[in-house]
PDB file of all heavy atoms in Angstrom:
ATOM      1  N   MET A   1     -19.854   0.955   7.139  1.00  0.00           N
ATOM      2  CA  MET A   1     -18.426   1.360   6.877  1.00  0.00           C
ATOM      3  C   MET A   1     -18.158   1.362   5.371  1.00  0.00           C
ATOM      4  O   MET A   1     -18.813   0.804   4.556  1.00  0.00           O
ATOM      5  CB  MET A   1     -17.483   0.460   7.446  1.00  0.00           C
ATOM      6  CG  MET A   1     -17.571  -1.045   6.948  1.00  0.00           C
ATOM      7  SD  MET A   1     -15.928  -1.876   6.946  1.00  0.00           S
ATOM      8  CE  MET A   1     -15.200  -1.352   5.455  1.00  0.00           C
ATOM      9  N   ARG A   2     -16.999   2.078   5.034  1.00  0.00           N
ATOM     10  CA  ARG A   2     -16.458   1.943   3.737  1.00  0.00           C
ATOM     11  C   ARG A   2     -14.966   1.986   3.969  1.00  0.00           C
ATOM     12  O   ARG A   2     -14.377   2.739   4.779  1.00  0.00           O
ATOM     13  CB  ARG A   2     -17.009   3.056   2.757  1.00  0.00           C
ATOM     14  CG  ARG A   2     -16.545   4.503   3.127  1.00  0.00           C
ATOM     15  CD  ARG A   2     -17.020   5.498   2.037  1.00  0.00           C
ATOM     16  NE  ARG A   2     -16.591   6.823   2.223  1.00  0.00           N
ATOM     17  CZ  ARG A   2     -15.446   7.269   1.426  1.00  0.00           C
ATOM     18  NH1 ARG A   2     -14.911   6.584   0.513  1.00  0.00           N
ATOM     19  NH2 ARG A   2     -15.070   8.479   1.649  1.00  0.00           N
ATOM     20  N   PHE A   3     -14.234   1.369   3.096  1.00  0.00           N
ATOM     21  CA  PHE A   3     -12.781   1.331   3.164  1.00  0.00           C
ATOM     22  C   PHE A   3     -12.169   2.520   2.542  1.00  0.00           C
ATOM     23  O   PHE A   3     -12.594   2.916   1.385  1.00  0.00           O
ATOM     24  CB  PHE A   3     -12.258  -0.019   2.485  1.00  0.00           C
ATOM     25  CG  PHE A   3     -10.742  -0.017   2.501  1.00  0.00           C
ATOM     26  CD1 PHE A   3     -10.044  -0.464   3.640  1.00  0.00           C
ATOM     27  CD2 PHE A   3     -10.030   0.280   1.368  1.00  0.00           C
ATOM     28  CE1 PHE A   3      -8.661  -0.550   3.632  1.00  0.00           C
ATOM     29  CE2 PHE A   3      -8.529   0.192   1.386  1.00  0.00           C
ATOM     30  CZ  PHE A   3      -7.975  -0.226   2.459  1.00  0.00           C
ATOM     31  N   LEU A   4     -11.131   3.085   3.160  1.00  0.00           N
ATOM     32  CA  LEU A   4     -10.593   4.265   2.797  1.00  0.00           C
ATOM     33  C   LEU A   4      -9.136   3.999   2.097  1.00  0.00           C
ATOM     34  O   LEU A   4      -8.923   4.320   0.933  1.00  0.00           O
ATOM     35  CB  LEU A   4     -10.420   5.384   3.828  1.00  0.00           C
ATOM     36  CG  LEU A   4     -11.690   5.930   4.387  1.00  0.00           C
ATOM     37  CD1 LEU A   4     -11.397   6.839   5.618  1.00  0.00           C
ATOM     38  CD2 LEU A   4     -12.555   6.646   3.262  1.00  0.00           C
ATOM     39  N   SER A   5      -8.276   3.453   2.868  1.00  0.00           N
ATOM     40  CA  SER A   5      -6.918   3.192   2.451  1.00  0.00           C
ATOM     41  C   SER A   5      -6.182   2.372   3.578  1.00  0.00           C
ATOM     42  O   SER A   5      -6.756   1.995   4.541  1.00  0.00           O
ATOM     43  CB  SER A   5      -6.108   4.557   2.228  1.00  0.00           C
ATOM     44  OG  SER A   5      -6.024   5.230   3.489  1.00  0.00           O
ATOM     45  N   ARG A   6      -4.951   2.086   3.326  1.00  0.00           N
ATOM     46  CA  ARG A   6      -4.086   1.537   4.361  1.00  0.00           C
ATOM     47  C   ARG A   6      -3.455   2.652   5.189  1.00  0.00           C
ATOM     48  O   ARG A   6      -3.069   3.719   4.573  1.00  0.00           O
ATOM     49  CB  ARG A   6      -3.049   0.672   3.787  1.00  0.00           C
ATOM     50  CG  ARG A   6      -3.585  -0.471   2.932  1.00  0.00           C
ATOM     51  CD  ARG A   6      -2.537  -1.455   2.730  1.00  0.00           C
ATOM     52  NE  ARG A   6      -1.910  -2.042   3.951  1.00  0.00           N
ATOM     53  CZ  ARG A   6      -2.348  -3.138   4.607  1.00  0.00           C
ATOM     54  NH1 ARG A   6      -3.496  -3.721   4.189  1.00  0.00           N
ATOM     55  NH2 ARG A   6      -1.811  -3.547   5.681  1.00  0.00           N
ATOM     56  N   VAL A   7      -3.387   2.452   6.488  1.00  0.00           N
ATOM     57  CA  VAL A   7      -2.861   3.456   7.351  1.00  0.00           C
ATOM     58  C   VAL A   7      -1.365   3.186   7.669  1.00  0.00           C
ATOM     59  O   VAL A   7      -0.729   4.038   8.246  1.00  0.00           O
ATOM     60  CB  VAL A   7      -3.683   3.483   8.709  1.00  0.00           C
ATOM     61  CG1 VAL A   7      -3.429   2.340   9.579  1.00  0.00           C
ATOM     62  CG2 VAL A   7      -3.474   4.922   9.339  1.00  0.00           C
ATOM     63  N   ASP A   8      -0.832   2.048   7.256  1.00  0.00           N
ATOM     64  CA  ASP A   8       0.530   1.692   7.546  1.00  0.00           C
ATOM     65  C   ASP A   8       1.454   2.091   6.396  1.00  0.00           C
ATOM     66  O   ASP A   8       1.143   2.984   5.690  1.00  0.00           O
ATOM     67  CB  ASP A   8       0.649   0.172   7.900  1.00  0.00           C
ATOM     68  CG  ASP A   8       0.136  -0.665   6.725  1.00  0.00           C
ATOM     69  OD1 ASP A   8      -0.293  -0.152   5.648  1.00  0.00           O
ATOM     70  OD2 ASP A   8       0.011  -1.955   6.964  1.00  0.00           O
ATOM     71  N   ASP A   9       2.543   1.337   6.312  1.00  0.00           N
ATOM     72  CA  ASP A   9       3.727   1.762   5.411  1.00  0.00           C
ATOM     73  C   ASP A   9       3.690   1.223   4.024  1.00  0.00           C
ATOM     74  O   ASP A   9       4.638   0.915   3.478  1.00  0.00           O
ATOM     75  CB  ASP A   9       4.955   1.564   6.071  1.00  0.00           C
ATOM     76  CG  ASP A   9       5.231   0.108   6.322  1.00  0.00           C
ATOM     77  OD1 ASP A   9       4.365  -0.705   6.165  1.00  0.00           O
ATOM     78  OD2 ASP A   9       6.421  -0.293   6.519  1.00  0.00           O
ATOM     79  N   GLN A  10       2.484   0.942   3.504  1.00  0.00           N
ATOM     80  CA  GLN A  10       2.370   0.341   2.144  1.00  0.00           C
ATOM     81  C   GLN A  10       1.461   1.125   1.325  1.00  0.00           C
ATOM     82  O   GLN A  10       0.500   1.771   1.724  1.00  0.00           O
ATOM     83  CB  GLN A  10       2.046  -1.150   2.382  1.00  0.00           C
ATOM     84  CG  GLN A  10       2.996  -1.922   3.082  1.00  0.00           C
ATOM     85  CD  GLN A  10       2.627  -3.407   3.078  1.00  0.00           C
ATOM     86  OE1 GLN A  10       1.743  -3.902   2.269  1.00  0.00           O
ATOM     87  NE2 GLN A  10       3.180  -4.195   4.004  1.00  0.00           N
ATOM     88  N   ILE A  11       1.642   0.950  -0.021  1.00  0.00           N
ATOM     89  CA  ILE A  11       0.790   1.570  -0.964  1.00  0.00           C
ATOM     90  C   ILE A  11       0.101   0.352  -1.742  1.00  0.00           C
ATOM     91  O   ILE A  11       0.722  -0.394  -2.368  1.00  0.00           O
ATOM     92  CB  ILE A  11       1.527   2.459  -1.937  1.00  0.00           C
ATOM     93  CG1 ILE A  11       2.079   3.678  -1.157  1.00  0.00           C
ATOM     94  CG2 ILE A  11       0.540   3.080  -3.069  1.00  0.00           C
ATOM     95  CD1 ILE A  11       2.854   4.618  -1.990  1.00  0.00           C
ATOM     96  N   ASP A  12      -1.255   0.359  -1.767  1.00  0.00           N
ATOM     97  CA  ASP A  12      -1.936  -0.712  -2.340  1.00  0.00           C
ATOM     98  C   ASP A  12      -2.405  -0.205  -3.770  1.00  0.00           C
ATOM     99  O   ASP A  12      -2.944   0.866  -3.949  1.00  0.00           O
ATOM    100  CB  ASP A  12      -3.242  -1.076  -1.609  1.00  0.00           C
ATOM    101  CG  ASP A  12      -3.883  -2.351  -2.121  1.00  0.00           C
ATOM    102  OD1 ASP A  12      -4.337  -2.271  -3.182  1.00  0.00           O
ATOM    103  OD2 ASP A  12      -3.989  -3.240  -1.338  1.00  0.00           O
ATOM    104  N   ILE A  13      -2.047  -0.993  -4.768  1.00  0.00           N
ATOM    105  CA  ILE A  13      -2.347  -0.633  -6.130  1.00  0.00           C
ATOM    106  C   ILE A  13      -3.373  -1.671  -6.799  1.00  0.00           C
ATOM    107  O   ILE A  13      -2.943  -2.841  -7.011  1.00  0.00           O
ATOM    108  CB  ILE A  13      -1.090  -0.499  -7.025  1.00  0.00           C
ATOM    109  CG1 ILE A  13      -0.112   0.431  -6.437  1.00  0.00           C
ATOM    110  CG2 ILE A  13      -1.487  -0.153  -8.553  1.00  0.00           C
ATOM    111  CD1 ILE A  13      -0.551   1.769  -6.527  1.00  0.00           C
ATOM    112  N   ALA A  14      -4.578  -1.287  -7.022  1.00  0.00           N
ATOM    113  CA  ALA A  14      -5.461  -2.093  -7.760  1.00  0.00           C
ATOM    114  C   ALA A  14      -5.791  -3.417  -7.156  1.00  0.00           C
ATOM    115  O   ALA A  14      -6.427  -4.305  -7.728  1.00  0.00           O
ATOM    116  CB  ALA A  14      -5.126  -2.242  -9.214  1.00  0.00           C
ATOM    117  N   GLY A  15      -5.397  -3.573  -5.806  1.00  0.00           N
ATOM    118  CA  GLY A  15      -5.803  -4.802  -5.160  1.00  0.00           C
ATOM    119  C   GLY A  15      -4.671  -5.933  -5.445  1.00  0.00           C
ATOM    120  O   GLY A  15      -4.837  -6.981  -4.951  1.00  0.00           O
ATOM    121  N   PHE A  16      -3.718  -5.656  -6.401  1.00  0.00           N
ATOM    122  CA  PHE A  16      -2.809  -6.687  -6.715  1.00  0.00           C
ATOM    123  C   PHE A  16      -1.612  -6.723  -5.852  1.00  0.00           C
ATOM    124  O   PHE A  16      -1.012  -7.790  -5.670  1.00  0.00           O
ATOM    125  CB  PHE A  16      -2.352  -6.515  -8.193  1.00  0.00           C
ATOM    126  CG  PHE A  16      -3.327  -7.110  -9.248  1.00  0.00           C
ATOM    127  CD1 PHE A  16      -4.523  -6.507  -9.516  1.00  0.00           C
ATOM    128  CD2 PHE A  16      -2.951  -8.212  -9.841  1.00  0.00           C
ATOM    129  CE1 PHE A  16      -5.321  -7.099 -10.432  1.00  0.00           C
ATOM    130  CE2 PHE A  16      -3.829  -8.844 -10.749  1.00  0.00           C
ATOM    131  CZ  PHE A  16      -5.017  -8.321 -11.024  1.00  0.00           C
ATOM    132  N   THR A  17      -1.088  -5.586  -5.438  1.00  0.00           N
ATOM    133  CA  THR A  17       0.153  -5.459  -4.680  1.00  0.00           C
ATOM    134  C   THR A  17       0.157  -4.408  -3.711  1.00  0.00           C
ATOM    135  O   THR A  17      -0.504  -3.377  -3.929  1.00  0.00           O
ATOM    136  CB  THR A  17       1.367  -5.321  -5.633  1.00  0.00           C
ATOM    137  OG1 THR A  17       2.565  -5.544  -4.924  1.00  0.00           O
ATOM    138  CG2 THR A  17       1.305  -4.115  -6.350  1.00  0.00           C
ATOM    139  N   ARG A  18       0.957  -4.538  -2.641  1.00  0.00           N
ATOM    140  CA  ARG A  18       1.092  -3.527  -1.604  1.00  0.00           C
ATOM    141  C   ARG A  18       2.639  -3.313  -1.645  1.00  0.00           C
ATOM    142  O   ARG A  18       3.398  -4.211  -1.157  1.00  0.00           O
ATOM    143  CB  ARG A  18       0.561  -3.860  -0.240  1.00  0.00           C
ATOM    144  CG  ARG A  18      -1.021  -4.002  -0.341  1.00  0.00           C
ATOM    145  CD  ARG A  18      -1.529  -4.005   1.073  1.00  0.00           C
ATOM    146  NE  ARG A  18      -1.118  -5.303   1.697  1.00  0.00           N
ATOM    147  CZ  ARG A  18      -1.943  -6.397   1.691  1.00  0.00           C
ATOM    148  NH1 ARG A  18      -3.084  -6.435   0.918  1.00  0.00           N
ATOM    149  NH2 ARG A  18      -1.590  -7.554   2.313  1.00  0.00           N
ATOM    150  N   LEU A  19       2.995  -2.094  -2.066  1.00  0.00           N
ATOM    151  CA  LEU A  19       4.473  -1.799  -2.158  1.00  0.00           C
ATOM    152  C   LEU A  19       4.871  -1.063  -0.844  1.00  0.00           C
ATOM    153  O   LEU A  19       4.278  -0.071  -0.424  1.00  0.00           O
ATOM    154  CB  LEU A  19       4.765  -0.975  -3.335  1.00  0.00           C
ATOM    155  CG  LEU A  19       4.390  -1.503  -4.680  1.00  0.00           C
ATOM    156  CD1 LEU A  19       4.530  -0.521  -5.790  1.00  0.00           C
ATOM    157  CD2 LEU A  19       5.209  -2.734  -4.937  1.00  0.00           C
ATOM    158  N   SER A  20       6.039  -1.453  -0.343  1.00  0.00           N
ATOM    159  CA  SER A  20       6.525  -0.889   0.990  1.00  0.00           C
ATOM    160  C   SER A  20       7.528   0.261   0.575  1.00  0.00           C
ATOM    161  O   SER A  20       7.984   0.301  -0.535  1.00  0.00           O
ATOM    162  CB  SER A  20       7.246  -1.840   1.734  1.00  0.00           C
ATOM    163  OG  SER A  20       8.375  -2.353   1.246  1.00  0.00           O
ATOM    164  N   GLU A  21       7.858   1.098   1.557  1.00  0.00           N
ATOM    165  CA  GLU A  21       8.919   2.057   1.442  1.00  0.00           C
ATOM    166  C   GLU A  21      10.230   1.482   0.966  1.00  0.00           C
ATOM    167  O   GLU A  21      10.905   1.952   0.082  1.00  0.00           O
ATOM    168  CB  GLU A  21       9.043   2.806   2.785  1.00  0.00           C
ATOM    169  CG  GLU A  21      10.237   3.901   2.615  1.00  0.00           C
ATOM    170  CD  GLU A  21      10.310   4.526   3.960  1.00  0.00           C
ATOM    171  OE1 GLU A  21       9.650   4.139   5.037  1.00  0.00           O
ATOM    172  OE2 GLU A  21      11.107   5.526   4.105  1.00  0.00           O
ATOM    173  N   LYS A  22      10.538   0.344   1.544  1.00  0.00           N
ATOM    174  CA  LYS A  22      11.796  -0.269   1.232  1.00  0.00           C
ATOM    175  C   LYS A  22      11.945  -0.654  -0.217  1.00  0.00           C
ATOM    176  O   LYS A  22      12.961  -0.485  -0.876  1.00  0.00           O
ATOM    177  CB  LYS A  22      12.095  -1.517   2.137  1.00  0.00           C
ATOM    178  CG  LYS A  22      13.329  -2.312   1.975  1.00  0.00           C
ATOM    179  CD  LYS A  22      13.487  -3.501   2.795  1.00  0.00           C
ATOM    180  CE  LYS A  22      13.681  -3.133   4.255  1.00  0.00           C
ATOM    181  NZ  LYS A  22      13.965  -4.310   5.129  1.00  0.00           N
ATOM    182  N   VAL A  23      10.928  -1.329  -0.793  1.00  0.00           N
ATOM    183  CA  VAL A  23      11.010  -1.809  -2.079  1.00  0.00           C
ATOM    184  C   VAL A  23      10.950  -0.710  -3.146  1.00  0.00           C
ATOM    185  O   VAL A  23      11.754  -0.833  -4.185  1.00  0.00           O
ATOM    186  CB  VAL A  23       9.922  -2.877  -2.469  1.00  0.00           C
ATOM    187  CG1 VAL A  23       8.536  -2.238  -2.748  1.00  0.00           C
ATOM    188  CG2 VAL A  23      10.291  -3.761  -3.644  1.00  0.00           C
ATOM    189  N   ILE A  24      10.254   0.389  -2.893  1.00  0.00           N
ATOM    190  CA  ILE A  24      10.268   1.521  -3.850  1.00  0.00           C
ATOM    191  C   ILE A  24      11.651   2.071  -3.832  1.00  0.00           C
ATOM    192  O   ILE A  24      12.231   2.573  -4.702  1.00  0.00           O
ATOM    193  CB  ILE A  24       9.135   2.509  -3.476  1.00  0.00           C
ATOM    194  CG1 ILE A  24       7.715   1.918  -3.624  1.00  0.00           C
ATOM    195  CG2 ILE A  24       9.205   3.853  -4.344  1.00  0.00           C
ATOM    196  CD1 ILE A  24       6.648   2.734  -3.089  1.00  0.00           C
ATOM    197  N   TRP A  25      12.241   2.312  -2.555  1.00  0.00           N
ATOM    198  CA  TRP A  25      13.451   2.836  -2.376  1.00  0.00           C
ATOM    199  C   TRP A  25      14.519   2.150  -3.145  1.00  0.00           C
ATOM    200  O   TRP A  25      15.432   2.566  -3.868  1.00  0.00           O
ATOM    201  CB  TRP A  25      13.835   2.967  -0.879  1.00  0.00           C
ATOM    202  CG  TRP A  25      14.780   3.963  -0.422  1.00  0.00           C
ATOM    203  CD1 TRP A  25      15.779   4.584  -1.262  1.00  0.00           C
ATOM    204  CD2 TRP A  25      14.946   4.639   0.710  1.00  0.00           C
ATOM    205  NE1 TRP A  25      16.426   5.427  -0.502  1.00  0.00           N
ATOM    206  CE2 TRP A  25      15.987   5.541   0.687  1.00  0.00           C
ATOM    207  CE3 TRP A  25      14.167   4.403   1.962  1.00  0.00           C
ATOM    208  CZ2 TRP A  25      16.328   6.339   1.799  1.00  0.00           C
ATOM    209  CZ3 TRP A  25      14.645   5.222   3.014  1.00  0.00           C
ATOM    210  CH2 TRP A  25      15.616   6.145   2.915  1.00  0.00           C
ATOM    211  N   LYS A  26      14.464   0.641  -3.039  1.00  0.00           N
ATOM    212  CA  LYS A  26      15.376  -0.184  -3.687  1.00  0.00           C
ATOM    213  C   LYS A  26      15.230  -0.053  -5.177  1.00  0.00           C
ATOM    214  O   LYS A  26      16.377  -0.047  -5.925  1.00  0.00           O
ATOM    215  CB  LYS A  26      15.123  -1.549  -3.204  1.00  0.00           C
ATOM    216  CG  LYS A  26      16.236  -2.584  -3.729  1.00  0.00           C
ATOM    217  CD  LYS A  26      16.131  -3.927  -3.045  1.00  0.00           C
ATOM    218  CE  LYS A  26      17.295  -4.815  -3.512  1.00  0.00           C
ATOM    219  NZ  LYS A  26      17.058  -6.125  -2.850  1.00  0.00           N
TER     220      LYS A  26
END
């Protein structure tokens, strides 16, 4: 296997944080 991405509602940046739709919107 190899990891591709997250399939849910978050955006992972450099392994440090996963930002949700809600926090970007806010």
